[in-house]
Amino acid sequence: MTAPILVLQNIAHEGPGIFSSVAKQRGLTLDDVDLEASEEPLSIENYIAIVVCGGPDSANDDTEKMKKEIEFVREAIERGIPYFGICLGMQILAKAAGAEVVPAELKEIGFKDPEGEQFRLDLTAAGVRAPLFKDCSESIDVFQLHGETINLNDNIELLGTGKWCRNQAIKVGSCAYGVQSHVEVTKEMFEDWLMLDPDLKRHDAAQLRKEFAAINDDYVATAECIFNNFLDIVELRAS
């Protein structure tokens, strides 16, 4: 594959992280676009896949940025271009598929839920069968940072659930996927987020670092598995 993968960043410090290193190990080129800074019109031409990262926006925002981003993702779905959405990127995918994005009953922040239990993504039967989660555990430890969630519609297949925010991983169309949790975050990104994100700044940074360290090895291995699976899907579609 010679065409690049388009990565859309909704805020500068929420980039592709682990996905970037996995793609580069496979000899793939990423075209990163910071939507905060760029005023260039989005073009879907000449890209083999699209990744949309998280950010502080809402998919319900009545802004030109969000309207154009949702329409862009809708076009990707219609064209059958492989898509991976992270957090806000999943919510944008759901919105592009005609679903509702709504406030979550619980704002999921960090690694532990209000009962002190690790946040997890539990695969549904469809998720276990999905190529995106090939060779992954059926219950995945995750890091959360979101205050909104989605309602499903007939265009969306549920691949993973959570205890508090139920809809955690989805598929739309032939090859568009979204994951609510932050599977991409590296240690370096996490340190930046501790200083920059208003929700994380209200938590104990030392405790968050400890919780990250406790799951880091499995976390990275799972992220690499998911991203390699997505790139396998990309290569299959491009062949």
Protein backbone atom coordinates (compact mmCIF):
# COMPACT_ATOMS: atom_id res chain seq x y z
CA MET A 1 0.00 0.00 0.00
CA THR A 2 1.41 3.38 -1.00
CA ALA A 3 -1.48 5.75 -0.23
CA PRO A 4 -1.46 7.33 3.24
CA ILE A 5 -3.90 6.98 6.11
CA LEU A 6 -5.64 10.20 7.10
CA VAL A 7 -5.59 11.00 10.82
CA LEU A 8 -7.91 13.77 12.03
CA GLN A 9 -7.03 15.35 15.38
CA ASN A 10 -9.77 17.35 17.07
CA ILE A 11 -7.28 18.89 19.48
CA ALA A 12 -3.50 18.95 19.18
CA HIS A 13 -2.63 16.83 22.22
CA GLU A 14 -5.02 13.98 21.33
CA GLY A 15 -3.14 12.31 18.50
CA PRO A 16 -2.95 8.74 17.16
CA GLY A 17 -0.42 7.61 19.79
CA ILE A 18 0.13 3.85 19.67
CA PHE A 19 -1.65 3.65 16.31
CA SER A 20 1.09 5.82 14.81
CA SER A 21 3.88 3.48 15.94
CA VAL A 22 2.00 0.38 14.75
CA ALA A 23 1.36 1.91 11.32
CA LYS A 24 4.98 2.98 10.93
CA GLN A 25 6.22 -0.49 11.89
CA ARG A 26 4.18 -1.76 8.96
CA GLY A 27 5.69 0.81 6.60
CA LEU A 28 2.53 2.91 6.33
CA THR A 29 2.40 6.69 6.05
CA LEU A 30 0.09 8.86 8.15
CA ASP A 31 -1.20 12.25 7.07
CA ASP A 32 -2.01 14.05 10.34
CA VAL A 33 -4.42 16.99 10.17
CA ASP A 34 -5.00 19.18 13.23
CA LEU A 35 -8.56 20.39 12.73
CA GLU A 36 -8.05 23.15 15.30
CA ALA A 37 -5.29 24.71 13.24
CA SER A 38 -6.12 23.74 9.65
CA GLU A 39 -8.67 25.56 7.52
CA GLU A 40 -8.01 23.41 4.46
CA PRO A 41 -11.13 21.59 3.18
CA LEU A 42 -11.16 17.89 3.95
CA SER A 43 -10.73 15.60 0.96
CA ILE A 44 -11.34 11.88 1.08
CA GLU A 45 -9.48 11.20 -2.15
CA ASN A 46 -6.23 9.24 -2.16
CA TYR A 47 -6.55 7.87 1.39
CA ILE A 48 -6.78 4.17 2.15
CA ALA A 49 -8.24 4.66 5.65
CA ILE A 50 -9.34 7.30 8.14
CA VAL A 51 -8.68 7.57 11.87
CA VAL A 52 -10.49 10.21 13.94
CA CYS A 53 -9.09 10.96 17.39
CA GLY A 54 -10.78 12.28 20.51
CA GLY A 55 -11.21 15.84 21.68
CA PRO A 56 -13.28 18.21 23.81
CA ASP A 57 -15.92 18.88 21.13
CA SER A 58 -19.35 17.30 21.07
CA ALA A 59 -20.69 15.60 17.97
CA ASN A 60 -23.80 17.70 18.70
CA ASP A 61 -21.92 20.99 18.29
CA ASP A 62 -23.57 23.33 15.79
CA THR A 63 -20.24 24.45 14.34
CA GLU A 64 -18.94 24.36 10.79
CA LYS A 65 -16.02 22.23 11.97
CA MET A 66 -18.29 19.53 13.37
CA LYS A 67 -20.81 19.67 10.54
CA LYS A 68 -18.05 19.17 7.97
CA GLU A 69 -16.41 16.41 10.02
CA ILE A 70 -19.66 14.45 10.33
CA GLU A 71 -20.40 14.82 6.63
CA PHE A 72 -16.86 13.70 5.82
CA VAL A 73 -17.26 10.57 7.94
CA ARG A 74 -20.66 9.89 6.37
CA GLU A 75 -19.00 9.95 2.95
CA ALA A 76 -16.32 7.52 4.18
CA ILE A 77 -19.03 5.11 5.34
CA GLU A 78 -20.83 5.34 2.01
CA ARG A 79 -17.62 4.69 0.10
CA GLY A 80 -16.64 1.75 2.29
CA ILE A 81 -13.35 3.34 3.36
CA PRO A 82 -11.96 1.71 6.53
CA TYR A 83 -12.53 3.99 9.52
CA PHE A 84 -11.42 3.91 13.15
CA GLY A 85 -12.91 6.39 15.61
CA ILE A 86 -11.58 6.92 19.13
CA CYS A 87 -13.84 8.44 21.83
CA LEU A 88 -15.23 11.55 20.06
CA GLY A 89 -14.31 9.76 16.83
CA MET A 90 -16.74 6.97 17.77
CA GLN A 91 -19.47 9.47 18.61
CA ILE A 92 -18.95 11.21 15.28
CA LEU A 93 -19.25 7.84 13.54
CA ALA A 94 -22.54 7.17 15.34
CA LYS A 95 -23.84 10.64 14.47
CA ALA A 96 -22.86 10.14 10.82
CA ALA A 97 -24.85 6.88 10.91
CA GLY A 98 -27.95 8.74 12.09
CA ALA A 99 -27.75 7.87 15.80
CA GLU A 100 -28.08 10.14 18.83
CA VAL A 101 -25.18 11.37 20.95
CA VAL A 102 -26.39 12.08 24.48
CA PRO A 103 -24.99 12.98 27.91
CA ALA A 104 -23.76 9.92 29.79
CA GLU A 105 -25.40 9.09 33.11
CA LEU A 106 -21.87 8.76 34.47
CA LYS A 107 -18.90 10.77 33.23
CA GLU A 108 -16.26 8.04 32.86
CA ILE A 109 -12.84 9.42 33.79
CA GLY A 110 -9.60 7.51 34.33
CA PHE A 111 -9.05 3.81 34.99
CA LYS A 112 -11.39 3.10 37.92
CA ASP A 113 -15.15 3.40 38.21
CA PRO A 114 -17.01 4.86 41.23
CA GLU A 115 -16.86 1.45 42.92
CA GLY A 116 -13.07 1.30 42.52
CA GLU A 117 -13.22 -1.33 39.80
CA GLN A 118 -11.22 -1.15 36.56
CA PHE A 119 -13.17 0.20 33.60
CA ARG A 120 -13.56 -2.63 31.07
CA LEU A 121 -14.74 -3.15 27.54
CA ASP A 122 -16.58 -6.48 27.37
CA LEU A 123 -16.98 -7.89 23.88
CA THR A 124 -20.43 -8.93 22.71
CA ALA A 125 -20.88 -12.12 20.68
CA ALA A 126 -20.58 -9.93 17.58
CA GLY A 127 -17.43 -8.35 19.01
CA VAL A 128 -15.80 -11.73 19.60
CA ARG A 129 -16.42 -12.55 15.93
CA ALA A 130 -15.34 -9.14 14.63
CA PRO A 131 -11.96 -9.02 12.87
CA LEU A 132 -11.12 -5.84 14.79
CA PHE A 133 -10.86 -7.83 18.03
CA LYS A 134 -9.21 -10.97 16.67
CA ASP A 135 -6.92 -12.52 19.33
CA CYS A 136 -8.05 -9.98 21.96
CA SER A 137 -9.35 -10.85 25.41
CA GLU A 138 -13.14 -10.84 25.70
CA SER A 139 -12.79 -8.38 28.61
CA ILE A 140 -10.35 -5.52 28.03
CA ASP A 141 -9.02 -3.06 30.65
CA VAL A 142 -9.47 0.48 29.33
CA PHE A 143 -8.84 4.15 30.07
CA GLN A 144 -11.86 6.43 29.82
CA LEU A 145 -12.23 10.18 29.32
CA HIS A 146 -15.72 11.13 28.16
CA GLY A 147 -18.98 12.67 29.29
CA GLU A 148 -21.19 11.67 26.37
CA THR A 149 -22.34 8.38 24.94
CA ILE A 150 -24.43 7.13 22.03
CA ASN A 151 -27.82 5.57 21.50
CA LEU A 152 -27.82 2.73 19.01
CA ASN A 153 -29.92 2.58 15.87
CA ASP A 154 -30.43 -0.04 13.16
CA ASN A 155 -27.30 1.13 11.31
CA ILE A 156 -24.99 0.30 14.21
CA GLU A 157 -23.76 -3.09 15.40
CA LEU A 158 -22.71 -3.24 19.06
CA LEU A 159 -19.32 -4.94 19.50
CA GLY A 160 -18.48 -4.06 23.10
CA THR A 161 -20.20 -2.96 26.28
CA GLY A 162 -19.33 -1.38 29.62
CA LYS A 163 -20.89 -1.50 33.06
CA TRP A 164 -21.65 2.22 33.29
CA CYS A 165 -21.79 3.52 29.71
CA ARG A 166 -23.11 0.50 27.88
CA ASN A 167 -22.20 1.24 24.26
CA GLN A 168 -18.40 1.00 24.13
CA ALA A 169 -17.48 -0.39 20.70
CA ILE A 170 -19.43 -0.29 17.44
CA LYS A 171 -19.34 -1.14 13.76
CA VAL A 172 -21.10 0.75 10.97
CA GLY A 173 -21.34 -0.53 7.42
CA SER A 174 -18.67 -2.83 6.06
CA CYS A 175 -15.54 -1.53 7.80
CA ALA A 176 -16.16 1.53 10.01
CA TYR A 177 -15.37 0.98 13.68
CA GLY A 178 -15.48 3.05 16.84
CA VAL A 179 -14.20 2.52 20.37
CA GLN A 180 -15.30 4.80 23.22
CA SER A 181 -12.19 4.29 25.37
CA HIS A 182 -8.73 5.65 24.67
CA VAL A 183 -6.87 2.63 23.33
CA GLU A 184 -4.28 4.87 21.69
CA VAL A 185 -2.75 6.77 24.60
CA THR A 186 0.99 6.46 25.26
CA LYS A 187 2.76 7.26 28.53
CA GLU A 188 3.99 10.53 27.00
CA MET A 189 0.50 11.52 25.89
CA PHE A 190 -0.89 10.57 29.28
CA GLU A 191 1.56 12.90 31.04
CA ASP A 192 0.45 15.75 28.75
CA TRP A 193 -3.20 15.00 29.43
CA LEU A 194 -2.65 15.09 33.19
CA MET A 195 -1.49 18.70 32.77
CA LEU A 196 -3.99 19.78 30.12
CA ASP A 197 -7.29 17.98 30.54
CA PRO A 198 -9.66 19.69 33.01
CA ASP A 199 -11.31 16.42 34.11
CA LEU A 200 -8.01 14.65 34.74
CA LYS A 201 -6.65 17.71 36.59
CA ARG A 202 -9.37 17.18 39.19
CA HIS A 203 -8.01 13.70 39.96
CA ASP A 204 -4.93 12.57 41.88
CA ALA A 205 -2.19 12.46 39.25
CA ALA A 206 0.05 10.16 41.29
CA GLN A 207 -2.79 7.66 41.71
CA LEU A 208 -3.63 7.79 38.00
CA ARG A 209 0.02 7.12 37.14
CA LYS A 210 0.01 4.15 39.50
CA GLU A 211 -3.15 2.75 37.92
CA PHE A 212 -1.71 3.20 34.43
CA ALA A 213 1.51 1.42 35.39
CA ALA A 214 -0.47 -1.51 36.80
CA ILE A 215 -2.08 -2.33 33.43
CA ASN A 216 0.41 -0.79 31.01
CA ASP A 217 1.94 -3.96 29.56
CA ASP A 218 -1.41 -5.59 28.81
CA TYR A 219 -2.84 -2.24 27.71
CA VAL A 220 -0.13 -1.68 25.10
CA ALA A 221 -0.31 -5.29 23.86
CA THR A 222 -4.09 -5.00 23.42
CA ALA A 223 -3.83 -1.65 21.66
CA GLU A 224 -1.23 -3.04 19.27
CA CYS A 225 -3.44 -6.07 18.60
CA ILE A 226 -6.50 -3.92 17.84
CA PHE A 227 -4.58 -1.53 15.60
CA ASN A 228 -2.84 -4.33 13.71
CA ASN A 229 -6.23 -5.95 13.19
CA PHE A 230 -7.58 -2.68 11.80
CA LEU A 231 -4.61 -2.39 9.45
CA ASP A 232 -5.23 -5.97 8.31
CA ILE A 233 -8.77 -4.84 7.41
CA VAL A 234 -7.29 -1.82 5.57
CA GLU A 235 -4.89 -4.00 3.59
CA LEU A 236 -7.64 -6.47 2.71
CA ARG A 237 -9.85 -3.66 1.41
CA ALA A 238 -6.95 -2.18 -0.57
CA SER A 239 -5.96 -5.45 -2.21
